N, C-alpha and C. Protein backbone atom coordinates (compact mmCIF):
# COMPACT_ATOMS: atom_id res chain seq x y z
N MET A 1 -8.42 8.59 -5.35
CA MET A 1 -7.91 9.83 -5.91
C MET A 1 -7.34 9.58 -7.29
N GLY A 2 -7.64 10.45 -8.25
CA GLY A 2 -7.09 10.31 -9.58
C GLY A 2 -5.69 10.88 -9.66
N TYR A 3 -4.82 10.18 -10.38
CA TYR A 3 -3.44 10.64 -10.53
C TYR A 3 -3.13 10.85 -12.00
N LYS A 4 -2.12 11.67 -12.25
CA LYS A 4 -1.63 11.89 -13.60
C LYS A 4 -0.14 12.17 -13.53
N ALA A 5 0.52 12.06 -14.68
CA ALA A 5 1.95 12.37 -14.74
C ALA A 5 2.14 13.88 -14.72
N ILE A 6 2.89 14.36 -13.72
CA ILE A 6 3.14 15.79 -13.57
C ILE A 6 4.63 16.04 -13.74
N LYS A 7 4.97 17.01 -14.57
CA LYS A 7 6.37 17.32 -14.84
C LYS A 7 6.92 18.29 -13.79
N ILE A 8 8.12 18.03 -13.35
CA ILE A 8 8.81 19.01 -12.51
C ILE A 8 9.08 20.25 -13.35
N ASP A 9 8.61 21.40 -12.86
CA ASP A 9 8.74 22.64 -13.64
C ASP A 9 9.31 23.74 -12.77
N GLU A 10 9.21 24.96 -13.24
CA GLU A 10 9.82 26.09 -12.51
C GLU A 10 9.17 26.33 -11.15
N LEU A 11 7.97 25.82 -10.93
CA LEU A 11 7.31 26.00 -9.65
C LEU A 11 7.75 24.97 -8.61
N THR A 12 8.27 23.83 -9.06
CA THR A 12 8.63 22.76 -8.13
C THR A 12 10.11 22.40 -8.14
N ILE A 13 10.87 22.88 -9.11
CA ILE A 13 12.26 22.43 -9.25
C ILE A 13 13.13 22.85 -8.06
N ASP A 14 12.81 23.95 -7.42
CA ASP A 14 13.63 24.39 -6.28
C ASP A 14 13.54 23.41 -5.11
N ASP A 15 12.49 22.60 -5.06
CA ASP A 15 12.37 21.58 -4.01
C ASP A 15 13.31 20.41 -4.25
N HIS A 16 13.91 20.35 -5.45
CA HIS A 16 14.76 19.23 -5.84
C HIS A 16 16.04 19.83 -6.43
N TYR A 17 16.87 20.36 -5.54
CA TYR A 17 17.88 21.35 -5.90
C TYR A 17 19.01 20.82 -6.78
N HIS A 18 19.15 19.50 -6.94
CA HIS A 18 20.18 19.00 -7.85
C HIS A 18 19.71 18.99 -9.30
N LEU A 19 18.43 19.15 -9.53
CA LEU A 19 17.92 19.13 -10.89
C LEU A 19 18.18 20.46 -11.59
N GLY A 20 18.41 20.38 -12.89
CA GLY A 20 18.56 21.58 -13.70
C GLY A 20 17.39 21.73 -14.65
N SER A 21 17.36 22.84 -15.34
CA SER A 21 16.23 23.14 -16.22
C SER A 21 16.13 22.16 -17.39
N ASP A 22 17.23 21.45 -17.68
CA ASP A 22 17.22 20.49 -18.79
C ASP A 22 16.80 19.09 -18.35
N ASP A 23 16.57 18.89 -17.07
CA ASP A 23 16.15 17.58 -16.58
C ASP A 23 14.65 17.40 -16.79
N LYS A 24 14.30 16.24 -17.33
CA LYS A 24 12.89 15.95 -17.65
C LYS A 24 12.39 14.87 -16.71
N CYS A 25 11.74 15.30 -15.64
CA CYS A 25 11.32 14.38 -14.58
C CYS A 25 9.83 14.52 -14.31
N TYR A 26 9.20 13.37 -14.05
CA TYR A 26 7.75 13.31 -13.81
C TYR A 26 7.47 12.56 -12.53
N TYR A 27 6.33 12.85 -11.93
CA TYR A 27 5.90 12.15 -10.73
C TYR A 27 4.38 12.01 -10.76
N LEU A 28 3.86 11.08 -9.94
CA LEU A 28 2.42 10.82 -9.91
C LEU A 28 1.73 11.38 -8.67
N MET A 29 2.45 11.48 -7.58
CA MET A 29 1.84 11.89 -6.31
C MET A 29 2.88 12.60 -5.45
N GLU A 30 2.43 13.15 -4.34
CA GLU A 30 3.34 13.83 -3.43
C GLU A 30 3.42 13.07 -2.11
N TYR A 31 4.65 12.85 -1.66
CA TYR A 31 4.91 12.24 -0.37
C TYR A 31 5.31 13.35 0.60
N THR A 32 4.58 13.46 1.70
CA THR A 32 4.84 14.53 2.66
C THR A 32 5.74 14.03 3.77
N LYS A 33 6.94 14.57 3.83
CA LYS A 33 7.92 14.17 4.83
C LYS A 33 7.37 14.42 6.23
N GLY A 34 7.50 13.43 7.10
CA GLY A 34 7.09 13.58 8.49
C GLY A 34 5.64 13.29 8.75
N ALA A 35 4.87 12.95 7.71
CA ALA A 35 3.43 12.74 7.90
C ALA A 35 3.06 11.29 8.18
N GLY A 36 4.07 10.42 8.33
CA GLY A 36 3.77 9.03 8.63
C GLY A 36 2.87 8.41 7.58
N TYR A 37 1.82 7.74 8.05
CA TYR A 37 0.86 7.08 7.15
C TYR A 37 -0.43 7.91 7.01
N ARG A 38 -0.35 9.19 7.27
CA ARG A 38 -1.58 9.98 7.38
C ARG A 38 -2.25 10.29 6.05
N THR A 39 -1.58 10.06 4.95
CA THR A 39 -2.20 10.27 3.64
C THR A 39 -2.11 8.97 2.85
N PRO A 40 -3.02 8.74 1.89
CA PRO A 40 -2.91 7.54 1.06
C PRO A 40 -1.58 7.46 0.34
N GLU A 41 -1.08 8.61 -0.12
CA GLU A 41 0.18 8.63 -0.84
C GLU A 41 1.34 8.20 0.05
N ASN A 42 1.37 8.72 1.28
CA ASN A 42 2.41 8.32 2.22
C ASN A 42 2.32 6.83 2.54
N SER A 43 1.11 6.33 2.68
CA SER A 43 0.94 4.90 2.96
C SER A 43 1.51 4.06 1.83
N HIS A 44 1.22 4.45 0.59
CA HIS A 44 1.76 3.72 -0.56
C HIS A 44 3.29 3.68 -0.50
N ILE A 45 3.90 4.83 -0.24
CA ILE A 45 5.36 4.91 -0.24
C ILE A 45 5.96 4.13 0.93
N HIS A 46 5.42 4.31 2.12
CA HIS A 46 5.93 3.58 3.29
C HIS A 46 5.86 2.08 3.06
N ASN A 47 4.73 1.61 2.57
CA ASN A 47 4.57 0.17 2.35
C ASN A 47 5.48 -0.33 1.24
N PHE A 48 5.61 0.45 0.18
CA PHE A 48 6.47 0.07 -0.94
C PHE A 48 7.92 -0.07 -0.49
N LYS A 49 8.35 0.79 0.44
CA LYS A 49 9.74 0.82 0.89
C LYS A 49 9.99 -0.02 2.14
N LYS A 50 9.05 -0.86 2.53
CA LYS A 50 9.30 -1.72 3.69
C LYS A 50 10.60 -2.48 3.51
N LEU A 51 11.38 -2.54 4.58
CA LEU A 51 12.70 -3.16 4.52
C LEU A 51 12.60 -4.67 4.36
N MET A 52 13.63 -5.25 3.78
CA MET A 52 13.66 -6.69 3.57
C MET A 52 13.68 -7.46 4.90
N THR A 53 14.07 -6.78 5.97
CA THR A 53 14.03 -7.43 7.29
C THR A 53 12.61 -7.76 7.72
N GLN A 54 11.62 -7.14 7.07
CA GLN A 54 10.22 -7.41 7.41
C GLN A 54 9.65 -8.61 6.65
N LYS A 55 10.41 -9.12 5.69
CA LYS A 55 9.91 -10.23 4.87
C LYS A 55 9.57 -11.43 5.75
N GLY A 56 8.39 -11.99 5.52
CA GLY A 56 7.93 -13.13 6.30
C GLY A 56 7.14 -12.74 7.53
N LYS A 57 7.10 -11.44 7.85
CA LYS A 57 6.35 -10.99 9.01
C LYS A 57 4.91 -10.64 8.60
N SER A 58 4.07 -10.41 9.60
CA SER A 58 2.64 -10.28 9.35
C SER A 58 2.27 -9.09 8.47
N ASP A 59 3.11 -8.07 8.45
CA ASP A 59 2.77 -6.88 7.66
C ASP A 59 3.42 -6.87 6.29
N TRP A 60 4.11 -7.95 5.90
CA TRP A 60 4.81 -7.97 4.61
C TRP A 60 3.86 -7.83 3.43
N HIS A 61 2.63 -8.32 3.60
CA HIS A 61 1.67 -8.27 2.49
C HIS A 61 1.37 -6.84 2.06
N TYR A 62 1.59 -5.87 2.96
CA TYR A 62 1.35 -4.48 2.58
C TYR A 62 2.34 -4.03 1.50
N LYS A 63 3.55 -4.58 1.52
CA LYS A 63 4.54 -4.24 0.49
C LYS A 63 4.10 -4.79 -0.86
N THR A 64 3.71 -6.05 -0.90
CA THR A 64 3.28 -6.64 -2.17
C THR A 64 2.02 -5.97 -2.69
N GLU A 65 1.13 -5.55 -1.78
CA GLU A 65 -0.07 -4.83 -2.20
C GLU A 65 0.29 -3.46 -2.77
N ALA A 66 1.27 -2.80 -2.16
CA ALA A 66 1.69 -1.49 -2.66
C ALA A 66 2.30 -1.62 -4.05
N ILE A 67 3.10 -2.66 -4.28
CA ILE A 67 3.66 -2.88 -5.62
C ILE A 67 2.55 -3.05 -6.63
N GLU A 68 1.52 -3.80 -6.27
CA GLU A 68 0.40 -4.03 -7.19
C GLU A 68 -0.36 -2.75 -7.47
N ILE A 69 -0.63 -1.96 -6.43
CA ILE A 69 -1.37 -0.70 -6.60
C ILE A 69 -0.60 0.26 -7.49
N ILE A 70 0.70 0.41 -7.22
CA ILE A 70 1.51 1.37 -7.99
C ILE A 70 1.72 0.87 -9.41
N ALA A 71 1.86 -0.46 -9.58
CA ALA A 71 2.01 -1.02 -10.93
C ALA A 71 0.80 -0.69 -11.79
N LYS A 72 -0.38 -0.72 -11.21
CA LYS A 72 -1.59 -0.37 -11.95
C LYS A 72 -1.57 1.10 -12.37
N LEU A 73 -1.04 1.96 -11.50
CA LEU A 73 -0.91 3.37 -11.85
C LEU A 73 0.10 3.55 -12.98
N PHE A 74 1.23 2.90 -12.87
CA PHE A 74 2.24 2.98 -13.93
C PHE A 74 1.65 2.50 -15.25
N ARG A 75 0.93 1.38 -15.19
CA ARG A 75 0.40 0.77 -16.41
C ARG A 75 -0.64 1.67 -17.07
N SER A 76 -1.37 2.42 -16.26
CA SER A 76 -2.44 3.26 -16.82
C SER A 76 -1.97 4.67 -17.16
N ILE A 77 -0.86 5.11 -16.54
CA ILE A 77 -0.43 6.50 -16.73
C ILE A 77 0.91 6.59 -17.45
N TYR A 78 1.94 5.97 -16.91
CA TYR A 78 3.27 6.12 -17.50
C TYR A 78 3.44 5.31 -18.78
N ILE A 79 3.07 4.05 -18.76
CA ILE A 79 3.34 3.18 -19.90
C ILE A 79 2.67 3.68 -21.18
N PRO A 80 1.43 4.18 -21.15
CA PRO A 80 0.83 4.69 -22.39
C PRO A 80 1.53 5.93 -22.96
N MET A 81 2.37 6.59 -22.17
CA MET A 81 3.11 7.75 -22.66
C MET A 81 4.25 7.34 -23.59
N LEU A 82 4.60 6.05 -23.63
CA LEU A 82 5.82 5.60 -24.28
C LEU A 82 5.52 4.74 -25.50
N ASN A 83 6.36 4.88 -26.51
CA ASN A 83 6.45 3.89 -27.57
C ASN A 83 7.49 2.89 -27.10
N LEU A 84 7.04 1.76 -26.56
CA LEU A 84 7.93 0.86 -25.84
C LEU A 84 9.04 0.29 -26.71
N GLU A 85 8.87 0.30 -28.01
CA GLU A 85 9.92 -0.20 -28.89
C GLU A 85 11.13 0.73 -28.93
N GLU A 86 10.96 1.96 -28.44
CA GLU A 86 12.03 2.95 -28.53
C GLU A 86 12.73 3.22 -27.20
N TRP A 87 12.24 2.64 -26.10
CA TRP A 87 12.73 3.02 -24.78
C TRP A 87 13.32 1.84 -24.01
N THR A 88 14.37 2.11 -23.25
CA THR A 88 14.87 1.18 -22.24
C THR A 88 14.48 1.74 -20.87
N LEU A 89 13.92 0.88 -20.03
CA LEU A 89 13.47 1.28 -18.69
C LEU A 89 14.49 0.76 -17.68
N ILE A 90 15.07 1.67 -16.90
CA ILE A 90 16.14 1.33 -15.98
C ILE A 90 15.77 1.75 -14.55
N PRO A 91 15.69 0.80 -13.62
CA PRO A 91 15.46 1.19 -12.23
C PRO A 91 16.71 1.81 -11.62
N ILE A 92 16.54 2.90 -10.90
CA ILE A 92 17.65 3.46 -10.13
C ILE A 92 17.95 2.49 -9.00
N PRO A 93 19.21 2.07 -8.81
CA PRO A 93 19.50 1.00 -7.85
C PRO A 93 19.30 1.45 -6.41
N PRO A 94 18.99 0.50 -5.54
CA PRO A 94 18.85 0.81 -4.11
C PRO A 94 20.21 1.02 -3.46
N SER A 95 20.19 1.32 -2.18
CA SER A 95 21.44 1.63 -1.47
C SER A 95 22.27 0.38 -1.19
N LYS A 96 21.69 -0.79 -1.28
CA LYS A 96 22.40 -2.03 -1.01
C LYS A 96 22.88 -2.68 -2.31
N CYS A 97 24.08 -3.28 -2.28
CA CYS A 97 24.58 -3.97 -3.46
C CYS A 97 23.81 -5.27 -3.66
N ILE A 98 23.89 -5.80 -4.87
CA ILE A 98 23.04 -6.93 -5.24
C ILE A 98 23.37 -8.19 -4.43
N GLU A 99 24.59 -8.28 -3.88
CA GLU A 99 24.97 -9.44 -3.07
C GLU A 99 24.48 -9.34 -1.63
N ASP A 100 24.03 -8.18 -1.23
CA ASP A 100 23.60 -7.94 0.15
C ASP A 100 22.26 -8.62 0.40
N PRO A 101 22.09 -9.34 1.51
CA PRO A 101 20.80 -9.97 1.79
C PRO A 101 19.67 -8.97 1.96
N LEU A 102 20.01 -7.70 2.18
CA LEU A 102 18.98 -6.67 2.31
C LEU A 102 18.71 -5.96 0.98
N TYR A 103 19.33 -6.43 -0.10
CA TYR A 103 19.07 -5.86 -1.42
C TYR A 103 17.59 -5.98 -1.75
N ASP A 104 17.01 -4.89 -2.22
CA ASP A 104 15.57 -4.83 -2.49
C ASP A 104 15.36 -4.43 -3.95
N ASP A 105 14.88 -5.35 -4.76
CA ASP A 105 14.66 -5.07 -6.18
C ASP A 105 13.22 -4.63 -6.44
N ARG A 106 12.65 -3.85 -5.52
CA ARG A 106 11.25 -3.46 -5.62
C ARG A 106 10.94 -2.68 -6.90
N MET A 107 11.88 -1.84 -7.36
CA MET A 107 11.62 -1.07 -8.57
C MET A 107 11.58 -1.97 -9.80
N THR A 108 12.47 -2.95 -9.85
CA THR A 108 12.45 -3.90 -10.96
C THR A 108 11.15 -4.69 -10.96
N LYS A 109 10.74 -5.17 -9.79
CA LYS A 109 9.47 -5.90 -9.68
C LYS A 109 8.31 -5.02 -10.12
N LEU A 110 8.34 -3.75 -9.72
CA LEU A 110 7.28 -2.83 -10.08
C LEU A 110 7.20 -2.64 -11.60
N LEU A 111 8.35 -2.45 -12.23
CA LEU A 111 8.37 -2.25 -13.68
C LEU A 111 7.90 -3.49 -14.42
N LYS A 112 8.35 -4.65 -13.98
CA LYS A 112 7.93 -5.89 -14.64
C LYS A 112 6.43 -6.11 -14.46
N ARG A 113 5.92 -5.78 -13.29
CA ARG A 113 4.48 -5.92 -13.07
C ARG A 113 3.71 -4.91 -13.91
N SER A 114 4.25 -3.71 -14.05
CA SER A 114 3.59 -2.67 -14.83
C SER A 114 3.51 -3.05 -16.31
N CYS A 115 4.50 -3.77 -16.79
CA CYS A 115 4.61 -4.11 -18.21
C CYS A 115 4.22 -5.56 -18.49
N LEU A 116 3.53 -6.19 -17.56
CA LEU A 116 3.17 -7.60 -17.72
C LEU A 116 2.43 -7.82 -19.04
N GLY A 117 2.95 -8.75 -19.84
CA GLY A 117 2.34 -9.05 -21.13
C GLY A 117 2.76 -8.13 -22.25
N MET A 118 3.63 -7.17 -21.96
CA MET A 118 4.11 -6.23 -22.96
C MET A 118 5.59 -6.49 -23.26
N ALA A 119 6.02 -6.07 -24.43
CA ALA A 119 7.43 -6.24 -24.82
C ALA A 119 8.22 -5.02 -24.36
N CYS A 120 8.58 -5.01 -23.09
CA CYS A 120 9.33 -3.88 -22.51
C CYS A 120 10.80 -4.25 -22.34
N ASP A 121 11.66 -3.30 -22.59
CA ASP A 121 13.09 -3.49 -22.38
C ASP A 121 13.45 -2.94 -21.00
N ILE A 122 13.38 -3.82 -20.00
CA ILE A 122 13.66 -3.44 -18.61
C ILE A 122 15.01 -4.04 -18.23
N ARG A 123 15.93 -3.20 -17.79
CA ARG A 123 17.27 -3.70 -17.48
C ARG A 123 17.81 -3.07 -16.19
N GLU A 124 18.44 -3.90 -15.36
CA GLU A 124 19.17 -3.40 -14.20
C GLU A 124 20.59 -3.07 -14.67
N VAL A 125 20.70 -1.97 -15.38
CA VAL A 125 21.97 -1.58 -16.01
C VAL A 125 22.93 -1.01 -14.98
N ILE A 126 22.41 -0.28 -13.99
CA ILE A 126 23.24 0.40 -13.01
C ILE A 126 23.17 -0.35 -11.69
N LEU A 127 24.33 -0.66 -11.12
CA LEU A 127 24.39 -1.41 -9.87
C LEU A 127 25.23 -0.66 -8.83
N THR A 128 24.97 -0.96 -7.57
CA THR A 128 25.69 -0.36 -6.45
C THR A 128 26.94 -1.18 -6.13
N ILE A 129 28.05 -0.52 -5.89
CA ILE A 129 29.31 -1.21 -5.60
C ILE A 129 29.35 -1.69 -4.15
N GLU A 130 29.14 -0.77 -3.22
CA GLU A 130 29.17 -1.11 -1.79
C GLU A 130 27.86 -0.69 -1.14
N SER A 131 27.33 -1.54 -0.28
CA SER A 131 26.10 -1.20 0.44
C SER A 131 26.33 0.02 1.32
N ARG A 132 25.37 0.91 1.29
CA ARG A 132 25.42 2.11 2.11
C ARG A 132 24.10 2.25 2.86
N GLU A 133 24.09 3.10 3.87
CA GLU A 133 22.84 3.40 4.56
C GLU A 133 21.93 4.15 3.60
N ALA A 134 20.66 3.79 3.62
CA ALA A 134 19.69 4.45 2.75
C ALA A 134 19.65 5.94 3.08
N SER A 135 19.48 6.76 2.06
CA SER A 135 19.55 8.21 2.26
C SER A 135 18.45 8.71 3.18
N HIS A 136 17.28 8.04 3.17
CA HIS A 136 16.18 8.54 4.00
C HIS A 136 16.36 8.20 5.48
N THR A 137 17.35 7.33 5.81
CA THR A 137 17.63 7.04 7.22
C THR A 137 18.96 7.61 7.67
N SER A 138 19.71 8.21 6.75
CA SER A 138 21.02 8.74 7.08
C SER A 138 20.92 10.17 7.60
N SER A 139 21.85 10.52 8.48
CA SER A 139 21.86 11.89 9.02
C SER A 139 22.53 12.87 8.06
N SER A 140 23.21 12.34 7.03
CA SER A 140 23.85 13.21 6.06
C SER A 140 23.56 12.71 4.66
N ARG A 141 23.50 13.64 3.71
CA ARG A 141 23.20 13.31 2.33
C ARG A 141 24.49 13.21 1.52
N ALA A 142 24.61 12.13 0.76
CA ALA A 142 25.78 11.99 -0.12
C ALA A 142 25.65 12.95 -1.29
N SER A 143 26.79 13.41 -1.77
CA SER A 143 26.80 14.28 -2.93
C SER A 143 26.55 13.46 -4.19
N VAL A 144 26.27 14.16 -5.28
CA VAL A 144 26.09 13.48 -6.56
C VAL A 144 27.35 12.69 -6.92
N ALA A 145 28.52 13.29 -6.72
CA ALA A 145 29.78 12.63 -7.04
C ALA A 145 29.99 11.38 -6.18
N GLU A 146 29.67 11.47 -4.90
CA GLU A 146 29.83 10.31 -4.01
C GLU A 146 28.90 9.18 -4.42
N ILE A 147 27.69 9.52 -4.79
CA ILE A 147 26.75 8.49 -5.26
C ILE A 147 27.26 7.88 -6.56
N ARG A 148 27.68 8.75 -7.48
CA ARG A 148 28.19 8.27 -8.78
C ARG A 148 29.37 7.33 -8.59
N ASN A 149 30.26 7.63 -7.68
CA ASN A 149 31.46 6.81 -7.49
C ASN A 149 31.16 5.45 -6.86
N ASN A 150 29.95 5.27 -6.37
CA ASN A 150 29.55 3.99 -5.79
C ASN A 150 28.64 3.21 -6.73
N LEU A 151 28.63 3.60 -8.01
CA LEU A 151 27.81 2.92 -9.01
C LEU A 151 28.69 2.43 -10.15
N PHE A 152 28.20 1.40 -10.84
CA PHE A 152 28.88 0.97 -12.06
C PHE A 152 27.87 0.44 -13.05
N LEU A 153 28.23 0.48 -14.33
CA LEU A 153 27.40 -0.07 -15.39
C LEU A 153 27.68 -1.56 -15.53
N ASP A 154 26.63 -2.35 -15.51
CA ASP A 154 26.76 -3.78 -15.73
C ASP A 154 26.97 -4.01 -17.23
N GLN A 155 28.17 -4.36 -17.61
CA GLN A 155 28.51 -4.49 -19.02
C GLN A 155 27.72 -5.60 -19.71
N ASP A 156 27.23 -6.55 -18.94
CA ASP A 156 26.40 -7.62 -19.51
C ASP A 156 25.02 -7.11 -19.91
N GLN A 157 24.66 -5.91 -19.43
CA GLN A 157 23.31 -5.39 -19.67
C GLN A 157 23.27 -4.25 -20.68
N VAL A 158 24.42 -3.76 -21.12
CA VAL A 158 24.41 -2.56 -21.96
C VAL A 158 24.40 -2.85 -23.45
N ASP A 159 24.50 -4.11 -23.84
CA ASP A 159 24.49 -4.46 -25.26
C ASP A 159 23.19 -4.02 -25.91
N GLU A 160 23.31 -3.25 -26.99
CA GLU A 160 22.15 -2.75 -27.74
C GLU A 160 21.18 -1.94 -26.86
N LEU A 161 21.76 -1.21 -25.92
CA LEU A 161 20.95 -0.33 -25.08
C LEU A 161 20.32 0.76 -25.94
N ARG A 162 19.04 0.96 -25.78
CA ARG A 162 18.35 1.99 -26.55
C ARG A 162 18.76 3.36 -26.03
N MET A 163 18.83 4.33 -26.93
CA MET A 163 19.29 5.65 -26.55
C MET A 163 18.19 6.55 -26.01
N ASN A 164 16.96 6.06 -25.96
CA ASN A 164 15.90 6.71 -25.21
C ASN A 164 15.74 5.93 -23.92
N ILE A 165 16.04 6.58 -22.80
CA ILE A 165 16.13 5.88 -21.52
C ILE A 165 15.29 6.60 -20.47
N ILE A 166 14.59 5.79 -19.67
CA ILE A 166 13.88 6.35 -18.52
C ILE A 166 14.44 5.72 -17.25
N LEU A 167 14.85 6.57 -16.33
CA LEU A 167 15.29 6.14 -15.01
C LEU A 167 14.10 6.20 -14.06
N PHE A 168 13.83 5.09 -13.39
CA PHE A 168 12.68 5.01 -12.49
C PHE A 168 13.15 4.92 -11.05
N ASP A 169 12.45 5.65 -10.16
CA ASP A 169 12.73 5.55 -8.73
C ASP A 169 11.43 5.80 -7.98
N ASP A 170 11.48 5.56 -6.65
CA ASP A 170 10.26 5.72 -5.88
C ASP A 170 9.98 7.17 -5.51
N VAL A 171 10.91 7.82 -4.79
CA VAL A 171 10.66 9.18 -4.34
C VAL A 171 11.77 10.12 -4.82
N LEU A 172 11.38 11.20 -5.47
CA LEU A 172 12.32 12.25 -5.87
C LEU A 172 12.50 13.19 -4.70
N THR A 173 13.73 13.25 -4.17
CA THR A 173 14.01 14.19 -3.07
C THR A 173 14.87 15.32 -3.62
N SER A 174 16.18 15.25 -3.44
CA SER A 174 17.03 16.31 -3.98
C SER A 174 17.30 16.14 -5.47
N GLY A 175 17.15 14.92 -5.97
CA GLY A 175 17.48 14.63 -7.36
C GLY A 175 18.90 14.09 -7.52
N ALA A 176 19.63 13.89 -6.41
CA ALA A 176 21.03 13.47 -6.48
C ALA A 176 21.18 12.09 -7.10
N HIS A 177 20.35 11.13 -6.69
CA HIS A 177 20.49 9.77 -7.22
C HIS A 177 20.13 9.73 -8.71
N TYR A 178 19.09 10.45 -9.07
CA TYR A 178 18.73 10.52 -10.50
C TYR A 178 19.89 11.09 -11.31
N LEU A 179 20.47 12.19 -10.83
CA LEU A 179 21.54 12.86 -11.57
C LEU A 179 22.78 11.98 -11.65
N ALA A 180 23.11 11.28 -10.56
CA ALA A 180 24.27 10.39 -10.58
C ALA A 180 24.09 9.28 -11.61
N CYS A 181 22.88 8.71 -11.67
CA CYS A 181 22.61 7.66 -12.65
C CYS A 181 22.59 8.21 -14.06
N LYS A 182 22.03 9.39 -14.23
CA LYS A 182 22.04 10.03 -15.54
C LYS A 182 23.47 10.27 -16.01
N ASN A 183 24.32 10.73 -15.11
CA ASN A 183 25.71 11.04 -15.47
C ASN A 183 26.48 9.80 -15.88
N ILE A 184 26.27 8.69 -15.17
CA ILE A 184 27.03 7.49 -15.48
C ILE A 184 26.65 6.94 -16.85
N ILE A 185 25.40 7.14 -17.24
CA ILE A 185 24.98 6.72 -18.59
C ILE A 185 25.56 7.65 -19.64
N LEU A 186 25.49 8.97 -19.37
CA LEU A 186 25.99 9.93 -20.35
C LEU A 186 27.51 9.83 -20.56
N GLU A 187 28.23 9.38 -19.54
CA GLU A 187 29.67 9.20 -19.69
C GLU A 187 29.98 8.19 -20.81
N LYS A 188 29.17 7.17 -20.93
CA LYS A 188 29.39 6.14 -21.95
C LYS A 188 28.57 6.41 -23.21
N TYR A 189 27.38 7.01 -23.01
CA TYR A 189 26.49 7.26 -24.15
C TYR A 189 26.07 8.73 -24.12
N PRO A 190 26.94 9.63 -24.58
CA PRO A 190 26.66 11.07 -24.46
C PRO A 190 25.45 11.54 -25.25
N ASP A 191 24.99 10.76 -26.21
CA ASP A 191 23.83 11.17 -27.00
C ASP A 191 22.52 10.59 -26.47
N ALA A 192 22.57 9.92 -25.34
CA ALA A 192 21.35 9.31 -24.79
C ALA A 192 20.34 10.39 -24.39
N ASN A 193 19.09 10.09 -24.62
CA ASN A 193 17.97 10.96 -24.24
C ASN A 193 17.35 10.38 -22.97
N ILE A 194 17.55 11.05 -21.84
CA ILE A 194 17.23 10.47 -20.54
C ILE A 194 16.14 11.26 -19.83
N TYR A 195 15.13 10.51 -19.35
CA TYR A 195 14.04 11.06 -18.56
C TYR A 195 14.06 10.40 -17.17
N GLY A 196 13.38 11.02 -16.22
CA GLY A 196 13.17 10.41 -14.92
C GLY A 196 11.68 10.30 -14.63
N MET A 197 11.26 9.15 -14.13
CA MET A 197 9.87 8.96 -13.73
C MET A 197 9.85 8.40 -12.32
N PHE A 198 9.02 9.00 -11.47
CA PHE A 198 8.99 8.68 -10.05
C PHE A 198 7.56 8.38 -9.61
N ILE A 199 7.46 7.58 -8.56
CA ILE A 199 6.14 7.39 -7.96
C ILE A 199 5.69 8.71 -7.34
N ALA A 200 6.58 9.34 -6.61
CA ALA A 200 6.22 10.56 -5.88
C ALA A 200 7.40 11.51 -5.81
N ARG A 201 7.08 12.75 -5.53
CA ARG A 201 8.11 13.71 -5.16
C ARG A 201 7.90 14.06 -3.70
N ARG A 202 9.01 14.30 -2.99
CA ARG A 202 8.91 14.66 -1.59
C ARG A 202 8.56 16.13 -1.46
N VAL A 203 7.61 16.41 -0.57
CA VAL A 203 7.30 17.79 -0.21
C VAL A 203 7.46 17.92 1.30
N LEU A 204 7.83 19.09 1.73
CA LEU A 204 7.99 19.34 3.16
C LEU A 204 6.66 19.84 3.72
N PRO A 205 6.32 19.45 4.94
CA PRO A 205 5.05 19.89 5.52
C PRO A 205 5.05 21.39 5.79
N ASN A 206 3.88 21.96 5.73
CA ASN A 206 3.72 23.35 6.12
C ASN A 206 4.06 23.47 7.60
N VAL A 207 4.78 24.51 7.97
CA VAL A 207 5.22 24.65 9.37
C VAL A 207 4.05 24.73 10.33
N THR A 208 2.88 25.01 9.84
CA THR A 208 1.71 25.10 10.72
C THR A 208 1.04 23.75 10.88
N ASP A 209 1.46 22.74 10.08
CA ASP A 209 0.86 21.42 10.19
C ASP A 209 1.33 20.74 11.47
N ASP A 210 0.45 19.98 12.07
CA ASP A 210 0.77 19.33 13.34
C ASP A 210 1.24 17.90 13.09
N PHE A 211 2.41 17.76 12.45
CA PHE A 211 2.97 16.44 12.21
C PHE A 211 4.00 16.18 13.31
N ASP A 212 3.75 15.16 14.09
CA ASP A 212 4.66 14.89 15.20
C ASP A 212 5.35 13.54 15.08
N ASP A 213 5.13 12.82 13.94
CA ASP A 213 5.85 11.58 13.75
C ASP A 213 6.77 11.70 12.56
N TRP A 214 7.85 10.96 12.58
CA TRP A 214 8.88 11.10 11.57
C TRP A 214 9.00 9.83 10.76
N ASP A 215 9.79 9.88 9.69
CA ASP A 215 9.94 8.74 8.79
C ASP A 215 10.38 7.50 9.59
N THR A 216 9.70 6.40 9.34
CA THR A 216 10.04 5.18 10.04
C THR A 216 10.49 4.08 9.11
N PHE A 217 10.46 4.32 7.80
CA PHE A 217 10.84 3.24 6.87
C PHE A 217 12.31 3.37 6.49
């Protein structure tokens, strides 16, 4: 299937209720909640998000393959959209802090693979303070403020930060994590020009669809 960068607009923004009309966010594919592995897009996302507890097990290679597949999409679609000399690429941090053995730097690996051989400014500028349950496995969603209060800027990484910034994440759901990361940057750099780029946006299944399995990652 061919993919392209699609901007969140007035037809899709209501699905991501924390986003405002001034937010500039793009995605490549749609992840259908509750559809398991039934679509290629869902398979990519499930495999990409395999937990670190699976490392060393027989199915771990699906995660590395997903990183490679998505990196090729980023390299062919997202990276050509940018003048790399003008942008800093920042992965939105995972739910686990960097000291946690379950910390997963999949987005950083994806960006580095996407920019292999290129002069890209990729930085883990935003870090998680305390490990939390991942939002896709939690029974309740944290607010933007709660997410923001569990993040901090790594001062070792902000030196000469470019003011054109792209925040990268895997799946755009409500937009809360993107907005929390955007806010923490704007607090220090109010003139920053910030975009969001995602592998996929979450869509809800049609009520007539016969999906009987739920998220397992």
